[in-house]
C-alpha atoms as a PDB file:
ATOM      1  CA  MET A   1     111.040 113.444  84.548  1.00  0.00           C
ATOM      2  CA  ASN A   2     111.807 109.938  85.748  1.00  0.00           C
ATOM      3  CA  LEU A   3     109.948 108.963  88.893  1.00  0.00           C
ATOM      4  CA  PRO A   4     110.766 106.058  91.179  1.00  0.00           C
ATOM      5  CA  LYS A   5     108.256 103.214  91.150  1.00  0.00           C
ATOM      6  CA  PHE A   6     107.372 103.852  94.824  1.00  0.00           C
ATOM      7  CA  LEU A   7     107.365 106.985  96.975  1.00  0.00           C
ATOM      8  CA  LEU A   8     107.059 107.141 100.757  1.00  0.00           C
ATOM      9  CA  GLY A   9     104.591 109.682 102.107  1.00  0.00           C
ATOM     10  CA  ASP A  10     103.391 110.906 105.456  1.00  0.00           C
ATOM     11  CA  ASN A  11     101.229 113.722 106.716  1.00  0.00           C
ATOM     12  CA  THR A  12     101.029 115.223 110.197  1.00  0.00           C
ATOM     13  CA  ASP A  13      97.210 115.228 109.932  1.00  0.00           C
ATOM     14  CA  PHE A  14      97.407 111.405 109.870  1.00  0.00           C
ATOM     15  CA  THR A  15      99.991 110.787 112.580  1.00  0.00           C
ATOM     16  CA  ASP A  16      99.681 106.983 112.675  1.00  0.00           C
ATOM     17  CA  ASP A  17      99.475 106.472 108.895  1.00  0.00           C
ATOM     18  CA  ILE A  18     102.277 105.713 106.465  1.00  0.00           C
ATOM     19  CA  PHE A  19     101.526 105.988 102.757  1.00  0.00           C
ATOM     20  CA  ILE A  20     103.257 104.354  99.817  1.00  0.00           C
ATOM     21  CA  ILE A  21     102.534 105.881  96.408  1.00  0.00           C
ATOM     22  CA  HIS A  22     102.883 103.594  93.385  1.00  0.00           C
ATOM     23  CA  THR A  23     103.675 105.819  90.395  1.00  0.00           C
ATOM     24  CA  GLU A  24     103.366 103.281  87.575  1.00  0.00           C
ATOM     25  CA  PHE A  25     100.226 101.739  86.122  1.00  0.00           C
ATOM     26  CA  PRO A  26      98.094 100.907  87.974  1.00  0.00           C
ATOM     27  CA  ARG A  27      98.790 103.979  90.102  1.00  0.00           C
ATOM     28  CA  PHE A  28      97.619 103.864  93.701  1.00  0.00           C
ATOM     29  CA  ILE A  29      98.258 105.004  97.245  1.00  0.00           C
ATOM     30  CA  ILE A  30      98.311 102.392 100.000  1.00  0.00           C
ATOM     31  CA  ASN A  31      98.029 103.153 103.679  1.00  0.00           C
ATOM     32  CA  LEU A  32     100.302 100.628 105.384  1.00  0.00           C
ATOM     33  CA  LYS A  33      98.474 101.075 108.668  1.00  0.00           C
ATOM     34  CA  ASP A  34      95.442  99.177 107.369  1.00  0.00           C
ATOM     35  CA  ASP A  35      96.394  98.201 103.764  1.00  0.00           C
ATOM     36  CA  GLU A  36      93.607 100.423 102.412  1.00  0.00           C
ATOM     37  CA  ILE A  37      94.202 101.240  98.746  1.00  0.00           C
ATOM     38  CA  GLU A  38      93.119 104.361  96.893  1.00  0.00           C
ATOM     39  CA  TRP A  39      93.326 103.774  93.127  1.00  0.00           C
ATOM     40  CA  LEU A  40      94.357 106.705  90.955  1.00  0.00           C
ATOM     41  CA  GLU A  41      93.108 104.951  87.816  1.00  0.00           C
ATOM     42  CA  GLU A  42      89.703 104.215  86.329  1.00  0.00           C
ATOM     43  CA  PHE A  43      89.127 100.536  85.566  1.00  0.00           C
ATOM     44  CA  LYS A  44      86.721  98.711  83.328  1.00  0.00           C
ATOM     45  CA  ASN A  45      84.911  95.686  84.757  1.00  0.00           C
ATOM     46  CA  GLU A  46      86.979  93.288  82.651  1.00  0.00           C
ATOM     47  CA  ASP A  47      90.192  94.801  84.060  1.00  0.00           C
ATOM     48  CA  GLU A  48      89.152  94.170  87.657  1.00  0.00           C
ATOM     49  CA  GLU A  49      89.766  90.409  87.513  1.00  0.00           C
ATOM     50  CA  GLU A  50      93.319  90.863  86.221  1.00  0.00           C
ATOM     51  CA  LEU A  51      93.873  93.648  88.738  1.00  0.00           C
ATOM     52  CA  SER A  52      92.775  91.498  91.665  1.00  0.00           C
ATOM     53  CA  VAL A  53      95.583  89.063  90.820  1.00  0.00           C
ATOM     54  CA  GLU A  54      98.115  91.897  90.758  1.00  0.00           C
ATOM     55  CA  VAL A  55      96.978  93.535  94.002  1.00  0.00           C
ATOM     56  CA  ALA A  56      98.634  91.010  96.323  1.00  0.00           C
ATOM     57  CA  THR A  57     101.930  91.361  94.472  1.00  0.00           C
ATOM     58  CA  LEU A  58     101.733  95.159  94.495  1.00  0.00           C
ATOM     59  CA  ILE A  59     101.028  95.241  98.251  1.00  0.00           C
ATOM     60  CA  GLU A  60     103.971  92.923  98.850  1.00  0.00           C
ATOM     61  CA  LEU A  61     106.253  95.122  96.717  1.00  0.00           C
ATOM     62  CA  ALA A  62     105.065  98.270  98.518  1.00  0.00           C
ATOM     63  CA  SER A  63     105.698  96.684 101.914  1.00  0.00           C
ATOM     64  CA  GLY A  64     109.143  95.535 100.802  1.00  0.00           C
ATOM     65  CA  PHE A  65     109.926  99.055  99.612  1.00  0.00           C
ATOM     66  CA  TYR A  66     108.903 100.458 102.995  1.00  0.00           C
ATOM     67  CA  ASP A  67     111.012  97.915 104.892  1.00  0.00           C
ATOM     68  CA  ARG A  68     114.041  98.721 102.721  1.00  0.00           C
ATOM     69  CA  GLU A  69     113.591 102.459 103.221  1.00  0.00           C
ATOM     70  CA  MET A  70     113.323 102.063 106.998  1.00  0.00           C
ATOM     71  CA  GLU A  71     116.509  99.977 107.065  1.00  0.00           C
ATOM     72  CA  ARG A  72     118.274 102.736 105.138  1.00  0.00           C
ATOM     73  CA  TYR A  73     117.001 105.451 107.516  1.00  0.00           C
ATOM     74  CA  GLU A  74     118.119 103.460 110.547  1.00  0.00           C
ATOM     75  CA  GLY A  75     121.528 102.857 108.971  1.00  0.00           C
ATOM     76  CA  ASN A  76     122.243 106.587 108.630  1.00  0.00           C
END
């Protein structure tokens, strides 16, 4: 199965939260309400430095994905 790089998620138990799921390595879920990230991967200490550089880019990509999706919803 081919999955998109990002998925949009919500849950009625978290009415103010909007989640973006990143399905490629490093997999994570970000809550756009507060930019909290839940990693779905285990990392070694030496990986954390490289990952910290990527995090800003991944958050930016996730936010861009959300903005694009909202524009598409509003256009329909």
